[in-house]
Amino acid sequence: MRPFGGGGAPGEGLGRSRGGFTTKIHLSADGRCRPLSLLITPGQRADCTQLQAVLEKIRVPRSIGRPRHKPDTVAADKAYSNSLIRRYLRRRHIRHAIPEKSDFRAARLRKGARGGRPPRFDVERYKKRNTVERCINRLKQFRAVATRYDRRGYVYLGTATLAAVAVWLRT
């Protein structure tokens, strides 16, 4: 069955959002603004629902031994501030710098002693959050990534991956 309003198969990575018919690129980046993992979803998909999938796709090869699967730290904005993400990061022993949403803080303070401690927040680590934004800007220097003229989702993923390889080779 086709989705409401027409459109192609759900695997094409196209969806409606405020900006119209769009695609989102979810990625993780290292400290030098190089992409570590890429994921493409329809435009209406929330960012916080894809964090686990993006982190599980990280594979950084080493000269000796198995590839690295886990980042040292994660710096994200308030959109990623929920208990499921914090629990996932704690379970994988990944330090994080995610600010607490104001409504969560108010609810915690309203509960008093039962509200628990506030989550730790490292301001210096949070300042490095813009590396992902700069990495996306580097990928969008490639016209095919910025405009998405590709009709198929797997072709667009290949285009974005090729742009990521070019970013790695330039640095």
Protein backbone atom coordinates (compact mmCIF):
# COMPACT_ATOMS: atom_id res chain seq x y z
CA MET A 1 0.00 0.00 0.00
CA ARG A 2 1.35 3.46 -0.90
CA PRO A 3 1.64 6.15 1.77
CA PHE A 4 -1.04 8.83 2.00
CA GLY A 5 -0.54 11.59 -0.54
CA GLY A 6 1.42 9.44 -2.98
CA GLY A 7 5.16 9.12 -2.76
CA GLY A 8 7.36 6.14 -3.31
CA ALA A 9 8.40 3.23 -1.18
CA PRO A 10 9.11 3.96 2.48
CA GLY A 11 12.78 3.07 1.97
CA GLU A 12 13.42 6.01 -0.37
CA GLY A 13 14.13 8.42 2.49
CA LEU A 14 11.67 11.08 1.38
CA GLY A 15 9.12 12.59 3.72
CA ARG A 16 7.13 15.69 4.53
CA SER A 17 8.41 18.24 7.00
CA ARG A 18 8.03 21.98 7.53
CA GLY A 19 10.38 22.63 4.64
CA GLY A 20 8.40 20.44 2.23
CA PHE A 21 9.39 17.11 0.71
CA THR A 22 12.83 16.47 2.26
CA THR A 23 15.42 13.98 3.46
CA LYS A 24 17.43 14.14 6.68
CA ILE A 25 21.04 13.08 7.03
CA HIS A 26 21.84 11.86 10.54
CA LEU A 27 25.54 11.53 11.25
CA SER A 28 28.25 11.41 13.86
CA ALA A 29 31.48 13.34 13.47
CA ASP A 30 34.89 13.25 15.08
CA GLY A 31 36.73 16.25 16.52
CA ARG A 32 38.12 17.20 13.11
CA CYS A 33 34.63 17.47 11.52
CA ARG A 34 34.92 14.21 9.59
CA PRO A 35 31.86 11.94 9.35
CA LEU A 36 32.06 8.62 11.20
CA SER A 37 28.63 7.21 10.32
CA LEU A 38 25.76 8.25 8.04
CA LEU A 39 22.07 7.46 8.10
CA ILE A 40 19.33 8.79 5.81
CA THR A 41 15.70 9.08 6.90
CA PRO A 42 12.57 10.86 5.67
CA GLY A 43 12.29 14.54 6.55
CA GLN A 44 9.60 14.15 9.21
CA ARG A 45 11.67 11.72 11.30
CA ALA A 46 12.80 13.11 14.68
CA ASP A 47 16.54 13.38 15.25
CA CYS A 48 16.53 11.84 18.73
CA THR A 49 15.00 8.58 17.48
CA GLN A 50 18.03 7.94 15.25
CA LEU A 51 20.85 8.51 17.77
CA GLN A 52 21.17 4.85 18.72
CA ALA A 53 21.30 3.70 15.09
CA VAL A 54 23.92 6.33 14.22
CA LEU A 55 26.14 5.40 17.18
CA GLU A 56 25.89 1.69 16.40
CA LYS A 57 27.11 2.27 12.83
CA ILE A 58 30.41 3.81 13.96
CA ARG A 59 33.39 1.73 12.81
CA VAL A 60 36.81 3.39 13.09
CA PRO A 61 39.60 1.08 11.90
CA ARG A 62 42.81 0.83 13.88
CA SER A 63 46.24 -0.13 12.64
CA ILE A 64 46.23 -3.13 14.99
CA GLY A 65 43.18 -4.91 16.38
CA ARG A 66 39.46 -4.61 15.94
CA PRO A 67 37.79 -1.41 14.77
CA ARG A 68 36.56 1.01 17.37
CA HIS A 69 32.77 0.95 17.86
CA LYS A 70 32.22 3.49 20.61
CA PRO A 71 32.95 7.23 20.84
CA ASP A 72 34.59 8.67 23.94
CA THR A 73 31.98 11.38 24.36
CA VAL A 74 28.72 12.55 22.82
CA ALA A 75 27.78 16.23 22.71
CA ALA A 76 24.20 16.89 21.63
CA ASP A 77 21.59 19.62 21.95
CA LYS A 78 18.41 19.65 24.03
CA ALA A 79 16.48 17.64 21.43
CA TYR A 80 18.40 14.57 22.64
CA SER A 81 17.61 15.18 26.32
CA ASN A 82 15.41 12.29 27.35
CA SER A 83 15.74 9.41 29.75
CA LEU A 84 15.97 6.71 27.04
CA ILE A 85 19.01 8.31 25.40
CA ARG A 86 20.73 8.99 28.73
CA ARG A 87 20.09 5.38 29.81
CA TYR A 88 21.47 4.05 26.50
CA LEU A 89 24.63 6.15 26.81
CA ARG A 90 25.15 5.08 30.44
CA ARG A 91 24.71 1.42 29.49
CA ARG A 92 27.43 1.76 26.80
CA HIS A 93 29.69 3.77 29.18
CA ILE A 94 29.73 6.82 26.90
CA ARG A 95 30.17 10.19 28.57
CA HIS A 96 27.81 12.83 27.31
CA ALA A 97 27.16 16.57 27.40
CA ILE A 98 23.44 17.02 26.84
CA PRO A 99 21.71 19.99 28.50
CA GLU A 100 18.56 19.33 30.46
CA LYS A 101 15.28 20.62 29.05
CA SER A 102 13.63 23.32 31.15
CA ASP A 103 10.37 21.37 31.58
CA PHE A 104 12.28 18.28 32.78
CA ARG A 105 14.19 20.46 35.22
CA ALA A 106 10.96 22.02 36.51
CA ALA A 107 9.35 18.58 36.96
CA ARG A 108 12.44 17.31 38.79
CA LEU A 109 12.49 20.32 41.12
CA ARG A 110 8.73 20.03 41.72
CA LYS A 111 9.24 16.49 43.03
CA GLY A 112 11.75 17.73 45.58
CA ALA A 113 14.01 15.05 47.05
CA ARG A 114 12.21 12.37 45.02
CA GLY A 115 13.16 14.14 41.79
CA GLY A 116 16.72 12.90 41.94
CA ARG A 117 19.97 14.58 41.02
CA PRO A 118 20.36 16.71 37.93
CA PRO A 119 22.28 15.02 35.11
CA ARG A 120 25.94 15.96 34.89
CA PHE A 121 26.72 18.59 32.30
CA ASP A 122 30.21 19.48 31.08
CA VAL A 123 30.20 22.97 29.56
CA GLU A 124 33.62 22.59 27.89
CA ARG A 125 32.59 19.36 26.17
CA TYR A 126 29.29 20.93 25.07
CA LYS A 127 31.16 23.74 23.30
CA LYS A 128 32.47 21.17 20.82
CA ARG A 129 28.94 20.24 19.69
CA ASN A 130 29.27 22.38 16.57
CA THR A 131 31.63 19.86 14.94
CA VAL A 132 28.58 17.97 13.61
CA GLU A 133 27.14 21.16 12.12
CA ARG A 134 30.48 21.96 10.48
CA CYS A 135 30.68 18.40 9.14
CA ILE A 136 27.22 18.74 7.57
CA ASN A 137 28.31 22.03 5.99
CA ARG A 138 31.35 20.26 4.50
CA LEU A 139 29.11 17.58 3.02
CA LYS A 140 26.73 20.17 1.61
CA GLN A 141 29.58 21.77 -0.32
CA PHE A 142 28.89 18.93 -2.74
CA ARG A 143 25.94 20.07 -4.81
CA ALA A 144 24.45 16.60 -5.18
CA VAL A 145 24.26 16.23 -1.38
CA ALA A 146 22.82 19.70 -0.81
CA THR A 147 20.08 19.43 -3.45
CA ARG A 148 19.26 15.69 -3.59
CA TYR A 149 18.42 15.22 -7.24
CA ASP A 150 18.70 11.43 -6.80
CA ARG A 151 15.35 9.71 -6.80
CA ARG A 152 16.36 6.54 -5.02
CA GLY A 153 17.30 6.52 -1.34
CA TYR A 154 20.20 4.11 -1.78
CA VAL A 155 21.64 6.29 -4.57
CA TYR A 156 21.46 9.37 -2.34
CA LEU A 157 23.11 7.44 0.50
CA GLY A 158 25.88 6.48 -1.93
CA THR A 159 26.27 10.12 -2.97
CA ALA A 160 26.50 11.25 0.66
CA THR A 161 28.98 8.44 1.41
CA LEU A 162 31.13 9.46 -1.54
CA ALA A 163 31.10 13.06 -0.27
CA ALA A 164 32.11 11.77 3.19
CA VAL A 165 35.05 9.87 1.66
CA ALA A 166 36.12 13.05 -0.13
CA VAL A 167 35.97 14.97 3.16
CA TRP A 168 38.15 12.29 4.79
CA LEU A 169 40.67 12.43 1.93
CA ARG A 170 40.90 16.23 2.11
CA THR A 171 41.78 16.26 5.82
